[in-house]
Every structure is written in structure tokens, then in C-alpha cells.
Amino acid sequence: MENINLSKKEIIERIGYFRNLKKISAYKLGMELGHSKTYFYRIESGEIQLTLDILLDVLDILQVTTTEFFCPTLTSEDKNVLEMFNGLSSDSKQTILDLMKKLK
């Protein structure tokens, strides 16, 4: 999996992307968060610090998982493989990793 390092600006832009995709205005998002109508505009402008708690609340409102937000390149097949891998024992995981290294 590709390493993704997002800046604060890129995180705000990704929120905007999903906000537009879900057709939710910054005004509505601020209200959904239980704040003023300008609250999210102020986050977008950097006037208010985006905290982890607020980010998680935003993702919940937008119905976006953290995986979708931070790892947008994962396909449903990738997600299935990860779920199966996570269900394996430590020994089985190591066997798969060793095999993958050999195949690479």
C-alpha cells in the first residue's frame, strides 16, 4: 500500500471534496456539528484549528470512513484482502508476507 502523507491543507481539501460529493454546504456542516453557520468556514480558512474529534465528527456526518478518507486508492477487492489478512493468525500472516516478498 502506498504511503500517504497529507498536509492540513490537503485534509481540508479532502473534506471539501467529500462535502461537495454529498452535496453538503459548509454552512450545513457547521450546523450539523452543533456550531454556528460560519463555524466550518472558519475551519477551512484556518481561523479555527481542526481537531481529531471534529474531523471524526465531520466524517461521521459525511458518512465517510477513515479508510476512505485517508486511503482513497483502496478498491473493494483491496478491502476484502485486508479483512481476510487481518483475520489470520500471526504465523499465517508471516507466511503470507514471506510469500509476497518472494513473489516481488
Protein backbone atom coordinates (compact mmCIF):
# COMPACT_ATOMS: atom_id res chain seq x y z
CA MET A 1 0.00 0.00 0.00
CA GLU A 2 1.25 3.45 -0.90
CA ASN A 3 2.34 5.73 1.94
CA ILE A 4 0.09 8.80 2.10
CA ASN A 5 1.16 11.95 3.94
CA LEU A 6 -1.47 14.66 3.83
CA SER A 7 -0.87 18.26 4.87
CA LYS A 8 -3.50 20.21 6.84
CA LYS A 9 -4.47 21.97 3.62
CA GLU A 10 -4.91 18.65 1.81
CA ILE A 11 -7.05 17.28 4.66
CA ILE A 12 -9.32 20.34 4.46
CA GLU A 13 -9.46 19.92 0.66
CA ARG A 14 -10.44 16.25 1.06
CA ILE A 15 -13.22 17.26 3.44
CA GLY A 16 -14.37 19.75 0.79
CA TYR A 17 -14.26 17.02 -1.85
CA PHE A 18 -16.50 14.71 0.21
CA ARG A 19 -18.70 17.63 1.30
CA ASN A 20 -19.32 18.51 -2.36
CA LEU A 21 -19.79 14.86 -3.28
CA LYS A 22 -22.51 14.56 -0.62
CA LYS A 23 -23.90 18.00 -1.55
CA ILE A 24 -23.48 19.38 1.99
CA SER A 25 -22.58 23.05 2.30
CA ALA A 26 -20.04 24.36 4.80
CA TYR A 27 -22.97 26.21 6.39
CA LYS A 28 -24.94 22.97 6.87
CA LEU A 29 -21.87 21.09 8.08
CA GLY A 30 -21.23 23.74 10.74
CA MET A 31 -24.83 23.47 11.90
CA GLU A 32 -24.68 19.64 11.90
CA LEU A 33 -21.60 19.91 14.13
CA GLY A 34 -23.72 21.93 16.57
CA HIS A 35 -21.97 25.23 15.95
CA SER A 36 -22.68 28.48 14.13
CA LYS A 37 -23.34 28.70 10.42
CA THR A 38 -19.83 30.10 9.87
CA TYR A 39 -18.04 27.52 12.02
CA PHE A 40 -16.84 25.28 9.21
CA TYR A 41 -15.90 28.23 7.00
CA ARG A 42 -13.65 29.32 9.86
CA ILE A 43 -12.06 25.84 9.97
CA GLU A 44 -11.50 25.95 6.21
CA SER A 45 -9.84 29.36 6.48
CA GLY A 46 -7.56 28.19 9.30
CA GLU A 47 -9.11 30.55 11.85
CA ILE A 48 -10.23 27.57 13.95
CA GLN A 49 -7.96 24.54 14.44
CA LEU A 50 -9.33 21.29 13.03
CA THR A 51 -9.05 18.73 15.84
CA LEU A 52 -9.17 14.97 15.53
CA ASP A 53 -12.54 14.92 17.31
CA ILE A 54 -14.01 17.43 14.86
CA LEU A 55 -12.53 15.53 11.89
CA LEU A 56 -14.11 12.29 13.09
CA ASP A 57 -17.46 14.08 13.62
CA VAL A 58 -17.24 15.54 10.10
CA LEU A 59 -16.50 12.11 8.60
CA ASP A 60 -19.45 10.67 10.53
CA ILE A 61 -21.78 13.39 9.20
CA LEU A 62 -20.48 12.87 5.67
CA GLN A 63 -20.73 9.08 6.10
CA VAL A 64 -17.11 8.61 5.07
CA THR A 65 -14.89 6.05 6.79
CA THR A 66 -11.36 6.95 7.85
CA THR A 67 -10.10 4.38 5.35
CA GLU A 68 -11.99 6.06 2.50
CA PHE A 69 -10.71 9.44 3.65
CA PHE A 70 -7.03 8.59 4.14
CA CYS A 71 -6.61 5.68 1.70
CA PRO A 72 -8.73 6.59 -1.31
CA THR A 73 -6.92 4.17 -3.60
CA LEU A 74 -8.23 1.06 -1.87
CA THR A 75 -10.68 -0.85 -4.02
CA SER A 76 -13.36 -3.11 -2.56
CA GLU A 77 -11.13 -6.06 -3.52
CA ASP A 78 -8.22 -4.48 -1.57
CA LYS A 79 -10.50 -4.04 1.44
CA ASN A 80 -11.58 -7.69 1.24
CA VAL A 81 -7.96 -8.85 1.10
CA LEU A 82 -7.10 -6.69 4.13
CA GLU A 83 -10.06 -8.04 6.09
CA MET A 84 -9.06 -11.64 5.30
CA PHE A 85 -5.43 -10.91 6.18
CA ASN A 86 -6.42 -9.30 9.48
CA GLY A 87 -8.40 -12.43 10.38
CA LEU A 88 -5.34 -14.68 10.10
CA SER A 89 -3.12 -15.86 12.93
CA SER A 90 0.30 -14.21 13.38
CA ASP A 91 2.03 -17.27 11.88
CA SER A 92 -0.25 -17.27 8.84
CA LYS A 93 0.28 -13.53 8.35
CA GLN A 94 4.04 -14.06 8.42
CA THR A 95 3.76 -16.90 5.88
CA ILE A 96 1.79 -14.62 3.54
CA LEU A 97 4.29 -11.79 3.98
CA ASP A 98 7.21 -14.13 3.27
CA LEU A 99 5.47 -15.41 0.13
CA MET A 100 4.76 -11.86 -1.03
CA LYS A 101 8.43 -10.92 -0.58
CA LYS A 102 9.47 -13.92 -2.68
CA LEU A 103 6.96 -13.05 -5.41
CA LYS A 104 8.09 -9.45 -5.50
